[in-house]
PDB file of all heavy atoms in Angstrom:
ATOM      1  N   SER A   1     103.533  77.841  90.287  1.00  0.00           N
ATOM      2  CA  SER A   1     103.641  79.073  91.056  1.00  0.00           C
ATOM      3  C   SER A   1     103.932  80.239  90.097  1.00  0.00           C
ATOM      4  O   SER A   1     104.273  80.032  88.950  1.00  0.00           O
ATOM      5  CB  SER A   1     104.786  78.955  92.079  1.00  0.00           C
ATOM      6  OG  SER A   1     106.031  78.688  91.417  1.00  0.00           O
ATOM      7  N   VAL A   2     103.761  81.449  90.613  1.00  0.00           N
ATOM      8  CA  VAL A   2     103.963  82.649  89.783  1.00  0.00           C
ATOM      9  C   VAL A   2     105.059  83.498  90.410  1.00  0.00           C
ATOM     10  O   VAL A   2     105.012  83.795  91.606  1.00  0.00           O
ATOM     11  CB  VAL A   2     102.654  83.473  89.697  1.00  0.00           C
ATOM     12  CG1 VAL A   2     102.887  84.776  88.962  1.00  0.00           C
ATOM     13  CG2 VAL A   2     101.574  82.654  88.998  1.00  0.00           C
ATOM     14  N   GLU A   3     106.032  83.891  89.610  1.00  0.00           N
ATOM     15  CA  GLU A   3     107.109  84.749  90.089  1.00  0.00           C
ATOM     16  C   GLU A   3     106.610  86.193  90.133  1.00  0.00           C
ATOM     17  O   GLU A   3     106.032  86.701  89.189  1.00  0.00           O
ATOM     18  CB  GLU A   3     108.324  84.645  89.151  1.00  0.00           C
ATOM     19  CG  GLU A   3     109.603  85.228  89.751  1.00  0.00           C
ATOM     20  CD  GLU A   3     109.681  86.758  89.640  1.00  0.00           C
ATOM     21  OE1 GLU A   3     109.082  87.307  88.672  1.00  0.00           O
ATOM     22  OE2 GLU A   3     110.303  87.398  90.507  1.00  0.00           O
ATOM     23  N   TRP A   4     106.802  86.850  91.285  1.00  0.00           N
ATOM     24  CA  TRP A   4     106.304  88.211  91.476  1.00  0.00           C
ATOM     25  C   TRP A   4     107.331  88.993  92.288  1.00  0.00           C
ATOM     26  O   TRP A   4     107.466  88.797  93.490  1.00  0.00           O
ATOM     27  CB  TRP A   4     104.965  88.165  92.209  1.00  0.00           C
ATOM     28  CG  TRP A   4     104.271  89.483  92.334  1.00  0.00           C
ATOM     29  CD1 TRP A   4     104.559  90.491  93.206  1.00  0.00           C
ATOM     30  CD2 TRP A   4     103.154  89.957  91.576  1.00  0.00           C
ATOM     31  NE1 TRP A   4     103.711  91.551  93.047  1.00  0.00           N
ATOM     32  CE2 TRP A   4     102.844  91.246  92.050  1.00  0.00           C
ATOM     33  CE3 TRP A   4     102.400  89.397  90.525  1.00  0.00           C
ATOM     34  CZ2 TRP A   4     101.784  91.986  91.502  1.00  0.00           C
ATOM     35  CZ3 TRP A   4     101.366  90.130  89.992  1.00  0.00           C
ATOM     36  CH2 TRP A   4     101.056  91.412  90.476  1.00  0.00           C
ATOM     37  N   ASN A   5     108.041  89.847  91.600  1.00  0.00           N
ATOM     38  CA  ASN A   5     109.040  90.703  92.255  1.00  0.00           C
ATOM     39  C   ASN A   5     110.004  89.904  93.150  1.00  0.00           C
ATOM     40  O   ASN A   5     110.274  90.262  94.311  1.00  0.00           O
ATOM     41  CB  ASN A   5     108.361  91.780  93.102  1.00  0.00           C
ATOM     42  CG  ASN A   5     107.574  92.758  92.248  1.00  0.00           C
ATOM     43  OD1 ASN A   5     107.902  92.972  91.079  1.00  0.00           O
ATOM     44  ND2 ASN A   5     106.537  93.361  92.822  1.00  0.00           N
ATOM     45  N   GLY A   6     110.510  88.818  92.610  1.00  0.00           N
ATOM     46  CA  GLY A   6     111.483  87.999  93.342  1.00  0.00           C
ATOM     47  C   GLY A   6     110.867  86.987  94.285  1.00  0.00           C
ATOM     48  O   GLY A   6     111.589  86.194  94.899  1.00  0.00           O
ATOM     49  N   ARG A   7     109.546  86.993  94.410  1.00  0.00           N
ATOM     50  CA  ARG A   7     108.871  86.026  95.264  1.00  0.00           C
ATOM     51  C   ARG A   7     108.224  84.949  94.410  1.00  0.00           C
ATOM     52  O   ARG A   7     107.826  85.184  93.262  1.00  0.00           O
ATOM     53  CB  ARG A   7     107.788  86.712  96.102  1.00  0.00           C
ATOM     54  CG  ARG A   7     108.301  87.507  97.279  1.00  0.00           C
ATOM     55  CD  ARG A   7     107.161  88.218  97.968  1.00  0.00           C
ATOM     56  NE  ARG A   7     107.428  88.442  99.385  1.00  0.00           N
ATOM     57  CZ  ARG A   7     106.663  89.156 100.182  1.00  0.00           C
ATOM     58  NH1 ARG A   7     105.535  89.693  99.700  1.00  0.00           N
ATOM     59  NH2 ARG A   7     106.959  89.314 101.451  1.00  0.00           N
ATOM     60  N   GLU A   8     108.087  83.772  94.978  1.00  0.00           N
ATOM     61  CA  GLU A   8     107.418  82.672  94.302  1.00  0.00           C
ATOM     62  C   GLU A   8     106.072  82.490  94.999  1.00  0.00           C
ATOM     63  O   GLU A   8     106.012  82.079  96.165  1.00  0.00           O
ATOM     64  CB  GLU A   8     108.249  81.406  94.396  1.00  0.00           C
ATOM     65  CG  GLU A   8     107.730  80.256  93.573  1.00  0.00           C
ATOM     66  CD  GLU A   8     108.652  79.052  93.639  1.00  0.00           C
ATOM     67  OE1 GLU A   8     109.730  79.150  94.238  1.00  0.00           O
ATOM     68  OE2 GLU A   8     108.268  77.984  93.080  1.00  0.00           O
ATOM     69  N   LEU A   9     104.976  82.775  94.278  1.00  0.00           N
ATOM     70  CA  LEU A   9     103.665  82.822  94.893  1.00  0.00           C
ATOM     71  C   LEU A   9     102.780  81.665  94.462  1.00  0.00           C
ATOM     72  O   LEU A   9     102.809  81.231  93.309  1.00  0.00           O
ATOM     73  CB  LEU A   9     102.974  84.139  94.558  1.00  0.00           C
ATOM     74  CG  LEU A   9     103.713  85.430  94.947  1.00  0.00           C
ATOM     75  CD1 LEU A   9     102.863  86.642  94.562  1.00  0.00           C
ATOM     76  CD2 LEU A   9     104.059  85.429  96.424  1.00  0.00           C
ATOM     77  N   ILE A  10     101.962  81.191  95.425  1.00  0.00           N
ATOM     78  CA  ILE A  10     100.983  80.141  95.157  1.00  0.00           C
ATOM     79  C   ILE A  10      99.634  80.581  95.727  1.00  0.00           C
ATOM     80  O   ILE A  10      99.485  81.682  96.250  1.00  0.00           O
ATOM     81  CB  ILE A  10     101.404  78.786  95.760  1.00  0.00           C
ATOM     82  CG1 ILE A  10     101.612  78.923  97.274  1.00  0.00           C
ATOM     83  CG2 ILE A  10     102.645  78.259  95.065  1.00  0.00           C
ATOM     84  CD1 ILE A  10     101.883  77.587  97.966  1.00  0.00           C
ATOM     85  N   ASP A  11      98.672  79.707  95.634  1.00  0.00           N
ATOM     86  CA  ASP A  11      97.281  79.935  96.037  1.00  0.00           C
ATOM     87  C   ASP A  11      97.154  80.681  97.385  1.00  0.00           C
ATOM     88  O   ASP A  11      97.687  80.230  98.401  1.00  0.00           O
ATOM     89  CB  ASP A  11      96.576  78.568  96.133  1.00  0.00           C
ATOM     90  CG  ASP A  11      95.068  78.694  96.157  1.00  0.00           C
ATOM     91  OD1 ASP A  11      94.549  79.674  96.742  1.00  0.00           O
ATOM     92  OD2 ASP A  11      94.418  77.814  95.573  1.00  0.00           O
ATOM     93  N   GLY A  12      96.424  81.797  97.339  1.00  0.00           N
ATOM     94  CA  GLY A  12      96.215  82.551  98.570  1.00  0.00           C
ATOM     95  C   GLY A  12      95.439  81.794  99.618  1.00  0.00           C
ATOM     96  O   GLY A  12      95.515  82.093 100.814  1.00  0.00           O
ATOM     97  N   GLY A  13      94.676  80.778  99.164  1.00  0.00           N
ATOM     98  CA  GLY A  13      93.909  79.982 100.111  1.00  0.00           C
ATOM     99  C   GLY A  13      94.749  79.199 101.087  1.00  0.00           C
ATOM    100  O   GLY A  13      94.273  78.833 102.173  1.00  0.00           O
ATOM    101  N   VAL A  14      95.995  78.953 100.751  1.00  0.00           N
ATOM    102  CA  VAL A  14      96.885  78.239 101.656  1.00  0.00           C
ATOM    103  C   VAL A  14      97.127  79.043 102.924  1.00  0.00           C
ATOM    104  O   VAL A  14      97.132  78.495 104.048  1.00  0.00           O
ATOM    105  CB  VAL A  14      98.240  77.930 100.968  1.00  0.00           C
ATOM    106  CG1 VAL A  14      99.209  77.280 101.949  1.00  0.00           C
ATOM    107  CG2 VAL A  14      98.009  77.015  99.756  1.00  0.00           C
ATOM    108  N   ALA A  15      97.313  80.349 102.792  1.00  0.00           N
ATOM    109  CA  ALA A  15      97.586  81.197 103.939  1.00  0.00           C
ATOM    110  C   ALA A  15      96.324  81.888 104.470  1.00  0.00           C
ATOM    111  O   ALA A  15      96.165  82.019 105.693  1.00  0.00           O
ATOM    112  CB  ALA A  15      98.632  82.254 103.590  1.00  0.00           C
ATOM    113  N   ASN A  16      95.454  82.317 103.539  1.00  0.00           N
ATOM    114  CA  ASN A  16      94.290  83.095 103.983  1.00  0.00           C
ATOM    115  C   ASN A  16      93.263  83.157 102.860  1.00  0.00           C
ATOM    116  O   ASN A  16      93.199  84.115 102.111  1.00  0.00           O
ATOM    117  CB  ASN A  16      94.725  84.510 104.385  1.00  0.00           C
ATOM    118  CG  ASN A  16      93.637  85.268 105.105  1.00  0.00           C
ATOM    119  OD1 ASN A  16      92.534  84.787 105.291  1.00  0.00           O
ATOM    120  ND2 ASN A  16      93.949  86.482 105.523  1.00  0.00           N
ATOM    121  N   ASN A  17      92.426  82.141 102.800  1.00  0.00           N
ATOM    122  CA  ASN A  17      91.480  82.063 101.678  1.00  0.00           C
ATOM    123  C   ASN A  17      90.328  83.061 101.802  1.00  0.00           C
ATOM    124  O   ASN A  17      89.763  83.506 100.796  1.00  0.00           O
ATOM    125  CB  ASN A  17      90.887  80.655 101.602  1.00  0.00           C
ATOM    126  CG  ASN A  17      90.056  80.447 100.341  1.00  0.00           C
ATOM    127  OD1 ASN A  17      90.590  80.371  99.263  1.00  0.00           O
ATOM    128  ND2 ASN A  17      88.749  80.376 100.500  1.00  0.00           N
ATOM    129  N   THR A  18      89.962  83.428 103.023  1.00  0.00           N
ATOM    130  CA  THR A  18      88.927  84.409 103.240  1.00  0.00           C
ATOM    131  C   THR A  18      89.553  85.587 103.982  1.00  0.00           C
ATOM    132  O   THR A  18      89.506  85.669 105.204  1.00  0.00           O
ATOM    133  CB  THR A  18      87.771  83.811 104.057  1.00  0.00           C
ATOM    134  OG1 THR A  18      87.402  82.541 103.496  1.00  0.00           O
ATOM    135  CG2 THR A  18      86.554  84.723 104.045  1.00  0.00           C
ATOM    136  N   PRO A  19      90.178  86.505 103.232  1.00  0.00           N
ATOM    137  CA  PRO A  19      91.075  87.513 103.820  1.00  0.00           C
ATOM    138  C   PRO A  19      90.380  88.632 104.569  1.00  0.00           C
ATOM    139  O   PRO A  19      90.465  89.818 104.225  1.00  0.00           O
ATOM    140  CB  PRO A  19      91.864  88.015 102.624  1.00  0.00           C
ATOM    141  CG  PRO A  19      90.959  87.802 101.459  1.00  0.00           C
ATOM    142  CD  PRO A  19      90.185  86.565 101.759  1.00  0.00           C
ATOM    143  N   ILE A  20      89.666  88.276 105.626  1.00  0.00           N
ATOM    144  CA  ILE A  20      89.034  89.279 106.471  1.00  0.00           C
ATOM    145  C   ILE A  20      90.083  90.209 107.049  1.00  0.00           C
ATOM    146  O   ILE A  20      89.911  91.433 107.120  1.00  0.00           O
ATOM    147  CB  ILE A  20      88.260  88.603 107.613  1.00  0.00           C
ATOM    148  CG1 ILE A  20      87.115  87.753 107.033  1.00  0.00           C
ATOM    149  CG2 ILE A  20      87.701  89.626 108.593  1.00  0.00           C
ATOM    150  CD1 ILE A  20      86.397  86.901 108.067  1.00  0.00           C
ATOM    151  N   SER A  21      91.221  89.643 107.482  1.00  0.00           N
ATOM    152  CA  SER A  21      92.285  90.435 108.087  1.00  0.00           C
ATOM    153  C   SER A  21      92.806  91.511 107.139  1.00  0.00           C
ATOM    154  O   SER A  21      93.088  92.646 107.563  1.00  0.00           O
ATOM    155  CB  SER A  21      93.422  89.518 108.517  1.00  0.00           C
ATOM    156  OG  SER A  21      93.968  88.809 107.417  1.00  0.00           O
ATOM    157  N   GLN A  22      92.895  91.176 105.862  1.00  0.00           N
ATOM    158  CA  GLN A  22      93.368  92.146 104.880  1.00  0.00           C
ATOM    159  C   GLN A  22      92.380  93.289 104.700  1.00  0.00           C
ATOM    160  O   GLN A  22      92.768  94.456 104.588  1.00  0.00           O
ATOM    161  CB  GLN A  22      93.629  91.446 103.541  1.00  0.00           C
ATOM    162  CG  GLN A  22      94.731  90.416 103.558  1.00  0.00           C
ATOM    163  CD  GLN A  22      96.123  91.026 103.641  1.00  0.00           C
ATOM    164  OE1 GLN A  22      96.286  92.226 103.506  1.00  0.00           O
ATOM    165  NE2 GLN A  22      97.121  90.207 103.885  1.00  0.00           N
ATOM    166  N   ALA A  23      91.105  92.964 104.689  1.00  0.00           N
ATOM    167  CA  ALA A  23      90.077  93.989 104.548  1.00  0.00           C
ATOM    168  C   ALA A  23      90.091  94.948 105.743  1.00  0.00           C
ATOM    169  O   ALA A  23      89.965  96.141 105.605  1.00  0.00           O
ATOM    170  CB  ALA A  23      88.693  93.347 104.398  1.00  0.00           C
ATOM    171  N   VAL A  24      90.256  94.361 106.948  1.00  0.00           N
ATOM    172  CA  VAL A  24      90.344  95.200 108.145  1.00  0.00           C
ATOM    173  C   VAL A  24      91.546  96.120 108.066  1.00  0.00           C
ATOM    174  O   VAL A  24      91.471  97.303 108.384  1.00  0.00           O
ATOM    175  CB  VAL A  24      90.422  94.317 109.410  1.00  0.00           C
ATOM    176  CG1 VAL A  24      90.747  95.151 110.654  1.00  0.00           C
ATOM    177  CG2 VAL A  24      89.094  93.579 109.630  1.00  0.00           C
ATOM    178  N   GLU A  25      92.688  95.580 107.645  1.00  0.00           N
ATOM    179  CA  GLU A  25      93.912  96.378 107.539  1.00  0.00           C
ATOM    180  C   GLU A  25      93.741  97.512 106.523  1.00  0.00           C
ATOM    181  O   GLU A  25      94.336  98.582 106.688  1.00  0.00           O
ATOM    182  CB  GLU A  25      95.077  95.479 107.136  1.00  0.00           C
ATOM    183  CG  GLU A  25      96.428  96.160 107.150  1.00  0.00           C
ATOM    184  CD  GLU A  25      97.573  95.211 106.882  1.00  0.00           C
ATOM    185  OE1 GLU A  25      97.507  94.055 107.378  1.00  0.00           O
ATOM    186  OE2 GLU A  25      98.517  95.600 106.182  1.00  0.00           O
ATOM    187  N   LEU A  26      92.935  97.275 105.504  1.00  0.00           N
ATOM    188  CA  LEU A  26      92.693  98.285 104.474  1.00  0.00           C
ATOM    189  C   LEU A  26      91.669  99.341 104.907  1.00  0.00           C
ATOM    190  O   LEU A  26      91.377 100.264 104.177  1.00  0.00           O
ATOM    191  CB  LEU A  26      92.246  97.621 103.188  1.00  0.00           C
ATOM    192  CG  LEU A  26      93.335  96.868 102.418  1.00  0.00           C
ATOM    193  CD1 LEU A  26      92.721  95.934 101.377  1.00  0.00           C
ATOM    194  CD2 LEU A  26      94.309  97.831 101.759  1.00  0.00           C
ATOM    195  N   GLY A  27      91.120  99.147 106.100  1.00  0.00           N
ATOM    196  CA  GLY A  27      90.203 100.162 106.644  1.00  0.00           C
ATOM    197  C   GLY A  27      88.722  99.882 106.515  1.00  0.00           C
ATOM    198  O   GLY A  27      87.896 100.754 106.812  1.00  0.00           O
ATOM    199  N   ALA A  28      88.367  98.692 106.069  1.00  0.00           N
ATOM    200  CA  ALA A  28      86.933  98.368 105.918  1.00  0.00           C
ATOM    201  C   ALA A  28      86.253  98.321 107.283  1.00  0.00           C
ATOM    202  O   ALA A  28      86.768  97.723 108.233  1.00  0.00           O
ATOM    203  CB  ALA A  28      86.766  97.048 105.211  1.00  0.00           C
ATOM    204  N   GLN A  29      85.113  98.963 107.388  1.00  0.00           N
ATOM    205  CA  GLN A  29      84.330  98.958 108.620  1.00  0.00           C
ATOM    206  C   GLN A  29      83.214  97.920 108.589  1.00  0.00           C
ATOM    207  O   GLN A  29      82.779  97.440 109.637  1.00  0.00           O
ATOM    208  CB  GLN A  29      83.729 100.345 108.865  1.00  0.00           C
ATOM    209  CG  GLN A  29      84.786 101.436 109.000  1.00  0.00           C
ATOM    210  CD  GLN A  29      84.164 102.802 109.029  1.00  0.00           C
ATOM    211  OE1 GLN A  29      83.045 102.988 109.544  1.00  0.00           O
ATOM    212  NE2 GLN A  29      84.855 103.786 108.496  1.00  0.00           N
ATOM    213  N   ARG A  30      82.729  97.619 107.408  1.00  0.00           N
ATOM    214  CA  ARG A  30      81.756  96.565 107.236  1.00  0.00           C
ATOM    215  C   ARG A  30      82.302  95.614 106.182  1.00  0.00           C
ATOM    216  O   ARG A  30      82.718  96.030 105.102  1.00  0.00           O
ATOM    217  CB  ARG A  30      80.398  97.100 106.776  1.00  0.00           C
ATOM    218  CG  ARG A  30      79.443  95.970 106.363  1.00  0.00           C
ATOM    219  CD  ARG A  30      78.055  96.459 105.966  1.00  0.00           C
ATOM    220  NE  ARG A  30      77.443  97.147 107.092  1.00  0.00           N
ATOM    221  CZ  ARG A  30      77.423  98.454 107.201  1.00  0.00           C
ATOM    222  NH1 ARG A  30      77.971  99.198 106.270  1.00  0.00           N
ATOM    223  NH2 ARG A  30      76.874  99.034 108.249  1.00  0.00           N
ATOM    224  N   ILE A  31      82.297  94.342 106.458  1.00  0.00           N
ATOM    225  CA  ILE A  31      82.874  93.363 105.553  1.00  0.00           C
ATOM    226  C   ILE A  31      81.845  92.296 105.225  1.00  0.00           C
ATOM    227  O   ILE A  31      81.373  91.592 106.113  1.00  0.00           O
ATOM    228  CB  ILE A  31      84.133  92.714 106.164  1.00  0.00           C
ATOM    229  CG1 ILE A  31      85.173  93.768 106.521  1.00  0.00           C
ATOM    230  CG2 ILE A  31      84.729  91.676 105.173  1.00  0.00           C
ATOM    231  CD1 ILE A  31      86.352  93.240 107.295  1.00  0.00           C
ATOM    232  N   TYR A  32      81.472  92.221 103.973  1.00  0.00           N
ATOM    233  CA  TYR A  32      80.606  91.148 103.503  1.00  0.00           C
ATOM    234  C   TYR A  32      81.504  89.976 103.106  1.00  0.00           C
ATOM    235  O   TYR A  32      82.288  90.063 102.158  1.00  0.00           O
ATOM    236  CB  TYR A  32      79.771  91.614 102.311  1.00  0.00           C
ATOM    237  CG  TYR A  32      78.724  92.649 102.676  1.00  0.00           C
ATOM    238  CD1 TYR A  32      79.020  94.006 102.656  1.00  0.00           C
ATOM    239  CD2 TYR A  32      77.434  92.243 103.034  1.00  0.00           C
ATOM    240  CE1 TYR A  32      78.065  94.945 103.000  1.00  0.00           C
ATOM    241  CE2 TYR A  32      76.472  93.191 103.385  1.00  0.00           C
ATOM    242  CZ  TYR A  32      76.795  94.535 103.356  1.00  0.00           C
ATOM    243  OH  TYR A  32      75.843  95.474 103.702  1.00  0.00           O
ATOM    244  N   VAL A  33      81.374  88.901 103.831  1.00  0.00           N
ATOM    245  CA  VAL A  33      82.224  87.757 103.620  1.00  0.00           C
ATOM    246  C   VAL A  33      81.476  86.723 102.773  1.00  0.00           C
ATOM    247  O   VAL A  33      80.445  86.191 103.191  1.00  0.00           O
ATOM    248  CB  VAL A  33      82.673  87.102 104.943  1.00  0.00           C
ATOM    249  CG1 VAL A  33      83.607  85.924 104.704  1.00  0.00           C
ATOM    250  CG2 VAL A  33      83.352  88.147 105.824  1.00  0.00           C
ATOM    251  N   LEU A  34      82.001  86.454 101.579  1.00  0.00           N
ATOM    252  CA  LEU A  34      81.369  85.511 100.660  1.00  0.00           C
ATOM    253  C   LEU A  34      82.190  84.221 100.704  1.00  0.00           C
ATOM    254  O   LEU A  34      82.998  83.925  99.827  1.00  0.00           O
ATOM    255  CB  LEU A  34      81.325  86.068  99.234  1.00  0.00           C
ATOM    256  CG  LEU A  34      80.212  87.078  98.926  1.00  0.00           C
ATOM    257  CD1 LEU A  34      80.251  88.275  99.840  1.00  0.00           C
ATOM    258  CD2 LEU A  34      80.306  87.532  97.475  1.00  0.00           C
ATOM    259  N   SER A  35      81.952  83.444 101.746  1.00  0.00           N
ATOM    260  CA  SER A  35      82.743  82.258 101.968  1.00  0.00           C
ATOM    261  C   SER A  35      82.177  81.048 101.244  1.00  0.00           C
ATOM    262  O   SER A  35      80.971  80.799 101.250  1.00  0.00           O
ATOM    263  CB  SER A  35      82.827  81.957 103.468  1.00  0.00           C
ATOM    264  OG  SER A  35      83.419  80.706 103.690  1.00  0.00           O
TER     265      SER A  35
END
């Protein structure tokens, strides 16, 4: 794991490997998903 600002982080794929939700939150209107 990687320590990041007091957090212990592991593979993003465990929680959200294809982060469509993050792109939407960032304001993307069209999302090309490379799954």
